[in-house]
Structure formats: structure tokens, C-alpha cells
Amino acid sequence: MSIMTELRDMALKLSARFPVPKIAGIVFPPFFPGGQPKECEFMAMTLEGGAGGISYVLIPDNRGADYRALMPDNFIGTRPERYVETFGESDPIGAMLGLAAINAICQQVMRLTGNTPGSATDSLGLMQIRAGDRVGMVGFFPPLLKYLRNTDTELTIIERNPQLIERYPTLPVTLDVTALNRCNKVLCTGTTVQNGTIEEVLLHCRTAEHISVLGPTAGYFPDPLFACGVHVMGGRLVNDGLLLLELIAQRKPWGAATRKLCFEACQYDGLPGKS
């Protein structure tokens, strides 16, 4: 069973155990052919009561018209489970909506159970990067570049976009995921879960002593990732869903509407309400 399928099943089981309200609002930033600018990379879904979920706008150009046809008003009053059910299929729009709904359901349960750990935890710090480490970065994650500055480490950046090799000629960017085999610590962006590449990445991290999955879209419970050997999952917890929608629509930072969320496998007890 894939991690996407496990996330889908996890969210649906949680929604059967806990009260999950309907969707109160959703926001889609404008679509930009050729790639989203930084301020328009994410959409969000908010439930009645304020819980929310964030997802990456990972839509190919040939689906731009379908994305633009999404009408926010059509989502209000519908159940988030509806968009979870098809998560794990090949449709990128369905993956985007499904991940937002999974995050929203999980964060509703976090609110109900008080299971929101690690708000003050430094997710990058948990990697405990030291001189001599061979660090793999899956996806372009600028905070890690700053973190590694002036450290005696070897960095390998795995990307799917060949344009980044040309854009950053001084950085060690490669399209070859097998380069992770020689890395002892790996940071993977949460986007790999949404685009279905996380299994391939983890296949080449079997000898790594530490694996972190980080990013705003990692706002769910970490059970499927921890079961596959991930040590840390860090994302964003939505404090004020309606404010988040406003800030994304206005292309402003989300700081006032979200906070850090960090799960550590060594301290995690499992899903709330699990029998």
C-alpha cells in the first residue's frame, strides 16, 4: 500500500471516529503557466470551527484550464472526506484537494484531542548536522542552505526540474535520485508525498541514519511516514483558518494564522483514539 493510500485511509478512519465539520471556505491562488511564483505556491481549505489544511499548487500547464475552473463557492458546505476518497490516484488536482482535506481533517482531530506537539521545536536542528555529514536534500529547500552555511558538510540536492541545474550552476543539483544512497542524513520536502515520489526517495535512504520530511503541506499525523523509516515530520498547524484564506488570497505571509508542527518518531505514541 502506498503512503498516499495510507494517508487517505488514515484520514477517513479519523473522520469516522471524530466529529469533522463541513468546509467553510477554500482559496485558490491564480494559475501561472511554467510554475507558480513563491507567493502563489499554496492553496488552503478551512473547516467550520477554524481547522484548516494547506496543499501545494502542483498543476501541470495542460491542466491549467481545469484548475482555473475550480469555483471556491462550490466547495462551501461540502464534506472534506469527499476530496480525500480519490487521494492517491493520478489526477494532480485531486491530489491537491485531497491533501488539503487530509490536513484539515487531521488538524480538526488535533484540536479536539490536544495532540499538537513540537510548536517550539527546531525541525532542522533535530537532524543534528555535524562536520563530515553527507546531507541529501530532496526538493529545493532554501532554509537548509542557510542552515548548512559555513559547515563542513557535503550537500546533494535531488530535483525533478532540470531548469534548476541551469538556474543554480554553483549548487550540487542532480536529477539522479540514487545519489541519496551515499547520504547519511536526508531532508525531504513534503511535496514528495503529494506528487507520489516519496516511496522512490525512501528506497534510496535505507542506509541513512536520519530522515526528515518537512514543509507546509505536512500537516497530518505522521504514522504512514514513520512506518517507512522517517524520523521527523515537520509542517504547519493552522490556528485561524479563515485568516489563512485571507492571507493567501492577499499573497501575504501566513505567520499570524499558522504555527510550527513537529512530530518525532522517538516520542510519538500513535494516532489519538486508536484502539
Protein backbone atom coordinates (compact mmCIF):
# COMPACT_ATOMS: atom_id res chain seq x y z
CA MET A 1 0.00 0.00 0.00
CA SER A 2 1.39 3.42 -0.95
CA ILE A 3 1.92 6.23 1.55
CA MET A 4 -0.72 8.27 -0.29
CA THR A 5 -3.22 5.43 0.13
CA GLU A 6 -2.31 5.04 3.80
CA LEU A 7 -2.82 8.77 4.38
CA ARG A 8 -6.20 8.57 2.67
CA ASP A 9 -7.31 5.62 4.79
CA MET A 10 -5.98 7.23 7.96
CA ALA A 11 -7.96 10.44 7.39
CA LEU A 12 -11.16 8.56 6.56
CA LYS A 13 -10.85 6.43 9.70
CA LEU A 14 -10.27 9.53 11.81
CA SER A 15 -13.33 11.20 10.33
CA ALA A 16 -15.36 8.13 11.32
CA ARG A 17 -14.12 8.34 14.93
CA PHE A 18 -14.23 12.10 15.49
CA PRO A 19 -16.69 14.85 14.51
CA VAL A 20 -15.38 16.61 11.40
CA PRO A 21 -17.29 19.72 10.26
CA LYS A 22 -18.02 20.81 6.72
CA ILE A 23 -15.86 23.08 4.61
CA ALA A 24 -16.27 26.77 5.44
CA GLY A 25 -14.00 28.17 2.75
CA ILE A 26 -11.27 27.49 0.26
CA VAL A 27 -8.83 29.64 -1.68
CA PHE A 28 -7.01 29.01 -4.94
CA PRO A 29 -4.23 31.40 -5.98
CA PRO A 30 -4.01 32.34 -9.66
CA PHE A 31 -2.51 29.79 -12.03
CA PHE A 32 0.81 30.66 -13.67
CA PRO A 33 1.95 28.57 -16.65
CA GLY A 34 5.53 27.40 -16.26
CA GLY A 35 5.43 27.33 -12.47
CA GLN A 36 3.89 29.17 -9.54
CA PRO A 37 5.69 32.21 -8.05
CA LYS A 38 6.60 31.85 -4.39
CA GLU A 39 3.64 33.90 -3.14
CA CYS A 40 1.17 31.71 -5.09
CA GLU A 41 2.52 28.23 -4.41
CA PHE A 42 -0.12 27.10 -1.91
CA MET A 43 -3.91 26.79 -1.60
CA ALA A 44 -5.85 26.14 1.58
CA MET A 45 -9.10 24.67 2.84
CA THR A 46 -10.83 25.72 6.08
CA LEU A 47 -13.45 23.81 8.05
CA GLU A 48 -16.24 25.25 10.15
CA GLY A 49 -14.67 25.95 13.52
CA GLY A 50 -11.31 27.07 12.15
CA ALA A 51 -9.24 23.95 11.43
CA GLY A 52 -7.53 24.06 8.07
CA GLY A 53 -5.30 22.29 5.59
CA ILE A 54 -2.63 23.54 3.22
CA SER A 55 -1.68 22.00 -0.12
CA TYR A 56 0.81 22.77 -2.86
CA VAL A 57 -0.41 24.03 -6.24
CA LEU A 58 1.37 21.35 -8.25
CA ILE A 59 -0.58 21.56 -11.50
CA PRO A 60 0.93 20.96 -14.97
CA ASP A 61 0.30 23.50 -17.69
CA ASN A 62 -2.03 21.16 -19.58
CA ARG A 63 -4.38 21.16 -16.57
CA GLY A 64 -4.33 24.92 -16.09
CA ALA A 65 -7.84 25.37 -17.52
CA ASP A 66 -9.23 22.74 -15.15
CA TYR A 67 -7.58 24.45 -12.21
CA ARG A 68 -8.94 27.85 -13.21
CA ALA A 69 -12.43 26.31 -13.44
CA LEU A 70 -12.42 25.47 -9.72
CA MET A 71 -15.05 27.66 -8.04
CA PRO A 72 -14.50 28.23 -4.29
CA ASP A 73 -18.21 28.68 -3.60
CA ASN A 74 -18.89 25.15 -4.86
CA PHE A 75 -16.82 23.71 -2.00
CA ILE A 76 -18.52 25.56 0.86
CA GLY A 77 -20.83 23.30 2.85
CA THR A 78 -19.40 20.08 1.37
CA ARG A 79 -17.62 17.44 3.41
CA PRO A 80 -13.81 17.21 3.28
CA GLU A 81 -14.00 13.39 3.13
CA ARG A 82 -15.36 13.74 -0.40
CA TYR A 83 -11.97 15.02 -1.59
CA VAL A 84 -9.97 12.52 0.45
CA GLU A 85 -11.53 9.47 -1.18
CA THR A 86 -9.70 9.89 -4.51
CA PHE A 87 -6.34 10.86 -2.99
CA GLY A 88 -3.65 8.54 -4.34
CA GLU A 89 -4.99 8.45 -7.89
CA SER A 90 -3.15 10.03 -10.81
CA ASP A 91 -5.09 13.32 -11.02
CA PRO A 92 -2.93 16.26 -9.80
CA ILE A 93 -5.96 18.41 -8.98
CA GLY A 94 -7.44 15.56 -6.97
CA ALA A 95 -4.11 15.14 -5.17
CA MET A 96 -4.03 18.84 -4.32
CA LEU A 97 -7.59 18.88 -2.97
CA GLY A 98 -7.15 15.54 -1.24
CA LEU A 99 -4.04 16.59 0.65
CA ALA A 100 -5.68 19.83 1.80
CA ALA A 101 -8.66 17.81 3.06
CA ILE A 102 -6.44 15.23 4.79
CA ASN A 103 -4.59 18.02 6.56
CA ALA A 104 -7.83 19.73 7.55
CA ILE A 105 -9.32 16.51 8.98
CA CYS A 106 -6.15 15.66 10.89
CA GLN A 107 -5.88 19.17 12.28
CA GLN A 108 -9.52 19.06 13.39
CA VAL A 109 -8.66 15.90 15.34
CA MET A 110 -5.51 17.53 16.73
CA ARG A 111 -7.69 20.36 18.02
CA LEU A 112 -10.18 18.00 19.61
CA THR A 113 -7.53 15.85 21.30
CA GLY A 114 -4.87 18.45 22.06
CA ASN A 115 -2.36 16.38 20.09
CA THR A 116 -0.31 19.24 18.59
CA PRO A 117 3.33 18.63 19.58
CA GLY A 118 6.50 20.46 18.80
CA SER A 119 5.35 24.03 18.23
CA ALA A 120 8.69 25.32 19.53
CA THR A 121 10.84 22.53 18.07
CA ASP A 122 13.54 23.33 15.53
CA SER A 123 12.87 20.67 12.89
CA LEU A 124 16.15 21.27 11.11
CA GLY A 125 18.03 21.16 14.40
CA LEU A 126 16.73 17.64 15.01
CA MET A 127 18.85 16.48 12.07
CA GLN A 128 21.90 17.22 14.25
CA ILE A 129 24.07 18.01 11.24
CA ARG A 130 27.77 17.75 12.02
CA ALA A 131 31.04 18.18 10.18
CA GLY A 132 31.58 15.34 7.74
CA ASP A 133 27.91 14.58 7.21
CA ARG A 134 26.70 13.85 3.69
CA VAL A 135 23.35 15.61 3.51
CA GLY A 136 20.75 14.88 0.87
CA MET A 137 18.08 17.48 0.14
CA VAL A 138 15.11 16.26 -1.91
CA GLY A 139 13.49 19.30 -3.45
CA PHE A 140 14.83 22.81 -3.22
CA PHE A 141 14.62 23.85 0.44
CA PRO A 142 16.33 27.26 0.93
CA PRO A 143 16.22 27.19 4.78
CA LEU A 144 18.54 24.17 4.74
CA LEU A 145 21.03 26.00 2.54
CA LYS A 146 21.21 28.77 5.14
CA TYR A 147 21.48 26.18 7.91
CA LEU A 148 24.44 24.48 6.23
CA ARG A 149 26.32 27.67 5.50
CA ASN A 150 29.89 27.56 6.87
CA THR A 151 29.54 23.90 7.92
CA ASP A 152 31.94 21.21 6.81
CA THR A 153 29.30 19.06 5.14
CA GLU A 154 28.73 17.61 1.70
CA LEU A 155 25.37 18.54 0.16
CA THR A 156 23.49 16.78 -2.64
CA ILE A 157 20.26 18.31 -3.97
CA ILE A 158 17.81 16.00 -5.74
CA GLU A 159 15.41 17.76 -8.09
CA ARG A 160 12.90 16.78 -10.76
CA ASN A 161 13.14 20.11 -12.56
CA PRO A 162 16.19 20.21 -14.89
CA GLN A 163 15.88 24.00 -15.13
CA LEU A 164 17.19 24.29 -11.56
CA ILE A 165 20.53 22.87 -12.68
CA GLU A 166 20.89 25.77 -15.09
CA ARG A 167 19.47 28.29 -12.64
CA TYR A 168 21.85 27.36 -9.81
CA PRO A 169 25.10 26.29 -11.51
CA THR A 170 27.11 26.65 -8.28
CA LEU A 171 24.87 24.26 -6.31
CA PRO A 172 25.21 20.44 -6.36
CA VAL A 173 21.86 19.76 -8.05
CA THR A 174 21.21 16.41 -9.72
CA LEU A 175 18.21 14.62 -11.24
CA ASP A 176 19.60 11.27 -10.10
CA VAL A 177 17.70 10.11 -7.00
CA THR A 178 20.17 7.25 -6.49
CA ALA A 179 22.67 9.85 -5.27
CA LEU A 180 20.82 9.59 -1.93
CA ASN A 181 22.39 6.17 -1.39
CA ARG A 182 25.59 7.83 -0.20
CA CYS A 183 23.89 10.37 2.12
CA ASN A 184 23.76 9.69 5.84
CA LYS A 185 21.16 12.41 6.55
CA VAL A 186 18.25 13.33 4.29
CA LEU A 187 15.75 16.18 4.28
CA CYS A 188 12.79 15.62 2.00
CA THR A 189 10.16 18.23 1.18
CA GLY A 190 6.56 17.32 1.89
CA THR A 191 5.75 17.81 -1.80
CA THR A 192 7.10 14.32 -2.48
CA VAL A 193 4.06 12.90 -0.70
CA GLN A 194 1.68 14.89 -2.88
CA ASN A 195 3.38 14.02 -6.17
CA GLY A 196 3.76 10.35 -5.29
CA THR A 197 7.57 10.19 -5.35
CA ILE A 198 8.14 9.63 -1.62
CA GLU A 199 8.47 5.82 -1.95
CA GLU A 200 11.22 6.12 -4.57
CA VAL A 201 13.06 8.61 -2.37
CA LEU A 202 12.86 6.42 0.73
CA LEU A 203 14.03 3.42 -1.28
CA HIS A 204 17.38 5.16 -1.63
CA CYS A 205 17.55 6.26 2.02
CA ARG A 206 17.85 2.79 3.55
CA THR A 207 21.32 3.46 4.93
CA ALA A 208 20.56 7.00 6.15
CA GLU A 209 20.74 7.47 9.92
CA HIS A 210 18.22 10.32 9.86
CA ILE A 211 15.36 11.24 7.52
CA SER A 212 13.19 14.34 7.92
CA VAL A 213 10.10 15.25 5.88
CA LEU A 214 9.38 18.96 6.17
CA GLY A 215 7.15 21.56 4.57
CA PRO A 216 3.84 23.44 4.97
CA THR A 217 1.84 20.60 3.40
CA ALA A 218 2.96 18.11 6.10
CA GLY A 219 0.12 18.95 8.46
CA TYR A 220 -1.24 15.44 9.04
CA PHE A 221 -0.48 12.70 11.55
CA PRO A 222 2.88 11.09 10.70
CA ASP A 223 2.03 7.39 11.08
CA PRO A 224 2.47 6.35 7.41
CA LEU A 225 5.82 8.17 7.18
CA PHE A 226 7.16 6.85 10.48
CA ALA A 227 6.22 3.31 9.44
CA CYS A 228 8.53 3.76 6.43
CA GLY A 229 11.56 4.88 8.44
CA VAL A 230 11.12 8.66 8.62
CA HIS A 231 12.39 10.09 11.93
CA VAL A 232 10.94 13.64 11.93
CA MET A 233 7.95 15.24 10.21
CA GLY A 234 7.54 19.00 10.41
CA GLY A 235 4.82 21.16 8.94
CA ARG A 236 2.32 23.88 9.77
CA LEU A 237 -0.63 23.88 12.14
CA VAL A 238 -3.48 26.21 11.17
CA ASN A 239 -4.57 28.34 14.13
CA ASP A 240 -7.06 30.52 12.27
CA GLY A 241 -8.37 29.01 9.06
CA LEU A 242 -10.37 31.99 7.82
CA LEU A 243 -7.45 34.34 8.38
CA LEU A 244 -5.22 31.92 6.49
CA LEU A 245 -7.53 32.09 3.49
CA GLU A 246 -7.40 35.87 3.55
CA LEU A 247 -3.63 35.97 3.78
CA ILE A 248 -3.15 33.51 0.91
CA ALA A 249 -5.65 35.45 -1.22
CA GLN A 250 -3.75 38.66 -0.47
CA ARG A 251 -0.39 36.93 -1.16
CA LYS A 252 0.83 37.77 2.33
CA PRO A 253 2.87 35.69 4.85
CA TRP A 254 0.85 33.27 6.96
CA GLY A 255 2.59 33.81 10.28
CA ALA A 256 -0.46 35.25 12.02
CA ALA A 257 -2.62 32.23 11.05
CA THR A 258 -0.27 29.25 11.50
CA ARG A 259 2.46 27.87 13.71
CA LYS A 260 5.05 25.10 13.55
CA LEU A 261 4.10 21.48 13.90
CA CYS A 262 6.75 18.83 14.54
CA PHE A 263 6.44 15.12 15.26
CA GLU A 264 9.40 12.97 16.33
CA ALA A 265 9.18 9.22 15.85
CA CYS A 266 11.05 8.54 19.09
CA GLN A 267 8.41 10.43 21.08
CA TYR A 268 5.26 9.62 19.13
CA ASP A 269 2.57 7.43 20.69
CA GLY A 270 0.37 6.96 17.63
CA LEU A 271 -2.99 8.22 16.48
CA PRO A 272 -5.39 9.57 19.10
CA GLY A 273 -8.32 7.31 19.85
CA LYS A 274 -6.53 4.31 18.35
CA SER A 275 -7.67 1.10 19.95
